[in-house]
Amino acid sequence: MSNLAYSLKSSNSRSDDTLFQRIADELRGKGYSINPAALPAYLTNDLLSHLQAMDTSQFDDAGIGREQQHMQNNFVRSDEICWITGVSTAGRNWLDWTHRLQLFLNRQLFLGLFSFESHFAHYAPGDFYKRHYDAFKGDANRILSVVVYLNPHWIPHQGGELVIYQDEMDNEGIKVQPGLATVVVFLSEDFPHEVLPATRDRYSIAGWYRVNTTTADKIDPPV
């Protein structure tokens, strides 16, 4: 490894540790962490280049109006998704970064995070995802939700905010602009949230850390 490559790797590692520590501290303190323009530049560029090269046929409908188990009411989403499997270089780099975050949070917070799943999400102009939870109390599978935005030059009036609500009674929420490289992490069971419509195409990665809930009758997460 050249001196320059070693220096860049060390710098990236220190930057990651700083971000990981902030995420851990904020999860411990308030249950969520919002970090504008925080994803490392090399990873942001890799993911953005990969996304821009993807064919639209690689995205599938995310399931409009699909009823979720344990939900009392249907919720509606109109986005499309493509699961990240690690086949591409960008996908492998992303999964490596999220794995290092997983190890860090397990050491800091003793969460027992076991696996991670994620997908690209595309919201066309006007698309939305109504208020919902990523996991439900007592159904301990998804523990942490992770969202990363891949939208260069996003302007606030274009909409598309993620709104994180403190609880069921909160009708105002915390609005997060979907600007490039913003990283959001929150406890999946604790925060209802939604995606507001935008006036331009909006891209993100949504992911979830899960615990191992395997029993004699079921393997979860599936292998």
Protein backbone atom coordinates (compact mmCIF):
# COMPACT_ATOMS: atom_id res chain seq x y z
CA MET A 1 0.00 0.00 0.00
CA SER A 2 1.39 3.42 -0.96
CA ASN A 3 1.86 6.16 1.61
CA LEU A 4 -0.95 8.17 -0.01
CA ALA A 5 -3.36 5.21 0.04
CA TYR A 6 -2.49 4.46 3.66
CA SER A 7 -3.00 8.10 4.60
CA LEU A 8 -6.40 8.20 2.89
CA LYS A 9 -7.49 4.96 4.55
CA SER A 10 -6.43 6.23 7.98
CA SER A 11 -8.21 9.52 7.41
CA ASN A 12 -11.41 7.73 6.34
CA SER A 13 -11.23 5.49 9.40
CA ARG A 14 -10.88 8.44 11.77
CA SER A 15 -13.75 10.24 10.04
CA ASP A 16 -15.93 7.14 10.27
CA ASP A 17 -15.17 6.70 13.97
CA THR A 18 -16.13 10.32 14.64
CA LEU A 19 -19.44 9.87 12.84
CA PHE A 20 -20.08 6.46 14.43
CA GLN A 21 -19.46 7.91 17.89
CA ARG A 22 -21.87 10.78 17.26
CA ILE A 23 -24.52 8.33 16.07
CA ALA A 24 -24.00 6.13 19.14
CA ASP A 25 -24.16 9.09 21.53
CA GLU A 26 -27.33 10.47 19.96
CA LEU A 27 -29.04 7.08 19.82
CA ARG A 28 -28.26 6.67 23.51
CA GLY A 29 -29.50 10.16 24.33
CA LYS A 30 -32.58 10.65 22.15
CA GLY A 31 -33.06 7.60 19.95
CA TYR A 32 -32.22 9.20 16.60
CA SER A 33 -29.28 10.83 14.85
CA ILE A 34 -29.42 13.24 11.89
CA ASN A 35 -26.10 13.98 10.16
CA PRO A 36 -26.16 16.27 7.09
CA ALA A 37 -23.50 15.61 4.43
CA ALA A 38 -21.82 13.04 6.69
CA LEU A 39 -21.38 9.94 4.49
CA PRO A 40 -17.72 9.64 3.43
CA ALA A 41 -17.05 11.28 0.06
CA TYR A 42 -15.54 8.15 -1.52
CA LEU A 43 -18.63 6.10 -0.62
CA THR A 44 -21.06 8.83 -1.65
CA ASN A 45 -19.36 9.12 -5.04
CA ASP A 46 -19.34 5.34 -5.53
CA LEU A 47 -23.03 5.00 -4.70
CA LEU A 48 -24.07 8.03 -6.74
CA SER A 49 -22.13 6.85 -9.81
CA HIS A 50 -23.61 3.36 -9.48
CA LEU A 51 -27.12 4.74 -9.07
CA GLN A 52 -26.79 6.98 -12.12
CA ALA A 53 -25.65 4.00 -14.21
CA MET A 54 -28.51 1.74 -13.14
CA ASP A 55 -31.25 0.85 -15.61
CA THR A 56 -34.77 1.76 -14.50
CA SER A 57 -35.80 -1.87 -15.05
CA GLN A 58 -33.72 -2.83 -12.00
CA PHE A 59 -36.25 -1.08 -9.75
CA ASP A 60 -39.45 -2.81 -8.64
CA ASP A 61 -42.66 -1.39 -7.26
CA ALA A 62 -42.34 -1.22 -3.47
CA GLY A 63 -45.93 -2.28 -2.87
CA ILE A 64 -48.49 0.50 -3.07
CA GLY A 65 -51.02 0.34 -0.27
CA ARG A 66 -49.61 -2.95 0.98
CA GLU A 67 -51.02 -3.95 4.35
CA GLN A 68 -48.32 -4.71 6.94
CA GLN A 69 -48.64 -7.29 9.68
CA HIS A 70 -49.83 -5.84 13.01
CA MET A 71 -50.91 -2.57 11.39
CA GLN A 72 -54.46 -1.52 12.12
CA ASN A 73 -54.69 0.56 8.96
CA ASN A 74 -53.16 0.32 5.51
CA PHE A 75 -50.38 2.73 4.70
CA VAL A 76 -49.45 3.85 1.22
CA ARG A 77 -46.10 4.10 -0.46
CA SER A 78 -45.57 4.97 -4.12
CA ASP A 79 -41.81 4.57 -4.45
CA GLU A 80 -39.81 1.86 -6.21
CA ILE A 81 -36.85 -0.06 -4.85
CA CYS A 82 -33.81 -2.15 -5.75
CA TRP A 83 -32.25 -4.36 -3.07
CA ILE A 84 -28.51 -4.02 -2.49
CA THR A 85 -26.85 -7.44 -2.66
CA GLY A 86 -23.18 -6.53 -2.77
CA VAL A 87 -22.68 -7.69 -6.36
CA SER A 88 -21.43 -4.25 -7.44
CA THR A 89 -18.32 -2.56 -6.07
CA ALA A 90 -20.44 0.29 -4.72
CA GLY A 91 -22.78 -2.18 -3.04
CA ARG A 92 -19.89 -4.05 -1.42
CA ASN A 93 -18.36 -0.80 -0.18
CA TRP A 94 -21.72 0.24 1.27
CA LEU A 95 -22.24 -3.09 3.03
CA ASP A 96 -18.68 -2.96 4.38
CA TRP A 97 -19.29 0.53 5.80
CA THR A 98 -22.61 -0.47 7.40
CA HIS A 99 -20.96 -3.57 8.84
CA ARG A 100 -18.32 -1.43 10.53
CA LEU A 101 -21.10 0.79 11.89
CA GLN A 102 -22.86 -2.35 13.16
CA LEU A 103 -19.76 -3.53 15.03
CA PHE A 104 -19.20 -0.08 16.52
CA LEU A 105 -22.78 0.26 17.76
CA ASN A 106 -22.76 -3.24 19.21
CA ARG A 107 -19.63 -2.40 21.19
CA GLN A 108 -21.00 0.93 22.37
CA LEU A 109 -24.68 0.17 22.92
CA PHE A 110 -24.86 -3.63 23.29
CA LEU A 111 -27.70 -3.83 20.77
CA GLY A 112 -26.99 -7.34 19.52
CA LEU A 113 -27.33 -6.27 15.88
CA PHE A 114 -27.04 -9.44 13.82
CA SER A 115 -27.68 -8.64 10.16
CA PHE A 116 -28.37 -5.77 7.79
CA GLU A 117 -30.59 -5.38 4.74
CA SER A 118 -30.98 -2.34 2.50
CA HIS A 119 -32.24 -1.09 -0.84
CA PHE A 120 -32.06 1.88 -3.14
CA ALA A 121 -35.33 3.83 -3.22
CA HIS A 122 -36.54 6.08 -6.01
CA TYR A 123 -39.36 8.54 -5.47
CA ALA A 124 -40.60 10.13 -8.68
CA PRO A 125 -42.08 13.65 -8.44
CA GLY A 126 -45.21 13.44 -6.31
CA ASP A 127 -44.35 10.06 -4.74
CA PHE A 128 -44.68 9.62 -1.00
CA TYR A 129 -44.63 7.15 1.88
CA LYS A 130 -47.29 7.79 4.49
CA ARG A 131 -46.67 7.77 8.22
CA HIS A 132 -45.60 4.35 9.49
CA TYR A 133 -43.26 2.40 11.76
CA ASP A 134 -40.42 0.23 10.45
CA ALA A 135 -40.98 -2.25 13.28
CA PHE A 136 -43.55 -2.81 15.97
CA LYS A 137 -43.32 -3.30 19.72
CA GLY A 138 -42.89 -6.93 20.62
CA ASP A 139 -41.88 -7.93 17.09
CA ALA A 140 -38.15 -7.63 17.73
CA ASN A 141 -36.58 -8.00 14.32
CA ARG A 142 -35.74 -4.59 12.90
CA ILE A 143 -33.92 -2.62 15.59
CA LEU A 144 -32.27 0.32 13.82
CA SER A 145 -33.32 2.11 10.65
CA VAL A 146 -30.71 3.80 8.45
CA VAL A 147 -31.41 6.28 5.67
CA VAL A 148 -28.82 7.87 3.37
CA TYR A 149 -29.67 10.44 0.69
CA LEU A 150 -28.15 10.61 -2.78
CA ASN A 151 -29.53 13.88 -4.14
CA PRO A 152 -26.98 16.48 -5.28
CA HIS A 153 -27.93 20.16 -5.14
CA TRP A 154 -31.20 19.61 -3.28
CA ILE A 155 -33.10 22.84 -2.64
CA PRO A 156 -35.50 23.01 0.35
CA HIS A 157 -38.50 24.19 -1.66
CA GLN A 158 -38.31 20.98 -3.71
CA GLY A 159 -39.88 19.09 -0.78
CA GLY A 160 -39.27 15.38 -0.25
CA GLU A 161 -38.46 15.69 3.45
CA LEU A 162 -38.31 12.75 5.82
CA VAL A 163 -40.49 13.60 8.81
CA ILE A 164 -39.61 11.84 12.07
CA TYR A 165 -42.29 12.01 14.77
CA GLN A 166 -41.48 11.73 18.45
CA ASP A 167 -44.55 9.60 19.17
CA GLU A 168 -48.14 8.96 18.12
CA MET A 169 -49.27 12.33 19.51
CA ASP A 170 -46.69 14.35 17.59
CA ASN A 171 -48.22 15.97 14.51
CA GLU A 172 -45.35 18.33 13.67
CA GLY A 173 -42.28 16.12 13.61
CA ILE A 174 -38.67 16.81 12.71
CA LYS A 175 -38.13 17.45 9.01
CA VAL A 176 -34.96 16.21 7.34
CA GLN A 177 -33.93 17.57 3.94
CA PRO A 178 -32.86 14.76 1.57
CA GLY A 179 -29.56 16.40 0.67
CA LEU A 180 -26.57 14.48 -0.67
CA ALA A 181 -24.75 12.26 1.87
CA THR A 182 -27.09 13.00 4.79
CA VAL A 183 -27.16 10.02 7.17
CA VAL A 184 -30.16 9.36 9.45
CA VAL A 185 -30.30 6.56 12.03
CA PHE A 186 -33.18 5.92 14.44
CA LEU A 187 -34.72 3.22 16.62
CA SER A 188 -37.13 1.37 14.36
CA GLU A 189 -39.78 0.63 17.00
CA ASP A 190 -39.86 4.09 18.54
CA PHE A 191 -40.37 6.63 15.76
CA PRO A 192 -43.23 6.84 13.28
CA HIS A 193 -42.10 8.65 10.13
CA GLU A 194 -43.11 9.52 6.60
CA VAL A 195 -41.71 10.78 3.30
CA LEU A 196 -43.30 13.89 1.83
CA PRO A 197 -43.78 14.36 -1.93
CA ALA A 198 -41.06 16.18 -3.87
CA THR A 199 -41.07 18.14 -7.12
CA ARG A 200 -38.06 16.24 -8.55
CA ASP A 201 -36.74 12.70 -8.53
CA ARG A 202 -35.52 11.73 -5.08
CA TYR A 203 -33.06 8.92 -4.35
CA SER A 204 -32.05 7.31 -1.09
CA ILE A 205 -30.89 4.12 0.56
CA ALA A 206 -33.09 2.66 3.28
CA GLY A 207 -31.70 -0.06 5.50
CA TRP A 208 -32.41 -1.94 8.72
CA TYR A 209 -30.27 -3.68 11.29
CA ARG A 210 -31.92 -6.80 12.65
CA VAL A 211 -31.39 -9.07 15.63
CA ASN A 212 -31.36 -12.85 15.49
CA THR A 213 -34.82 -14.09 16.44
CA THR A 214 -34.33 -17.64 15.19
CA THR A 215 -36.44 -20.28 16.95
CA ALA A 216 -36.88 -24.01 16.50
CA ASP A 217 -39.68 -23.31 14.03
CA LYS A 218 -38.27 -20.35 12.13
CA ILE A 219 -34.96 -18.94 10.90
CA ASP A 220 -34.93 -15.17 11.24
CA PRO A 221 -33.23 -13.34 9.72
CA PRO A 222 -33.47 -15.75 6.79
CA VAL A 223 -30.17 -16.99 5.33
